[in-house]
Amino acid sequence: MTETSETTGRRAVLRIGTVTSDKMAKSIVVRVDRTVMHPTYKKIVRKHTRLVAHDEKNEAKVGDVVEVAFSRPISATKRWRLVRVVRAGPRGAAAAGEQAAGGAR
């Protein structure tokens, strides 16, 4: 899951998650899900993290599974950059339903 950067020799921090928003210019919001054990009750609990990532080419769309890497601060909230789109999400009917529900903007 980690790979070494040729320039710095450090290991890159990579996360895989689902795009939840692509409405910003050159930015996406990625939801990364994980499971952790509750410290007291020893039950497996699902948690998630929202990461704002830089998408230079605007190639990721809502529903896509993407890989993001930690990087230098790009803006006030962006600390991640898009590495690749792992799997494309559902298109067509879902996108048409969003437009009809959202109204004219």
Foldseek 3Di string as FASTA:
>chain_A
DWDADPPPRDIWDKAKFFWADLPDPQKTKGKGKDWDADPPPRDIDIDIDIAIEGRNVSPADGAFIFMWTADPDPDPRHGIYTDGGPGHGDDDPVVVVCDVVVDDD
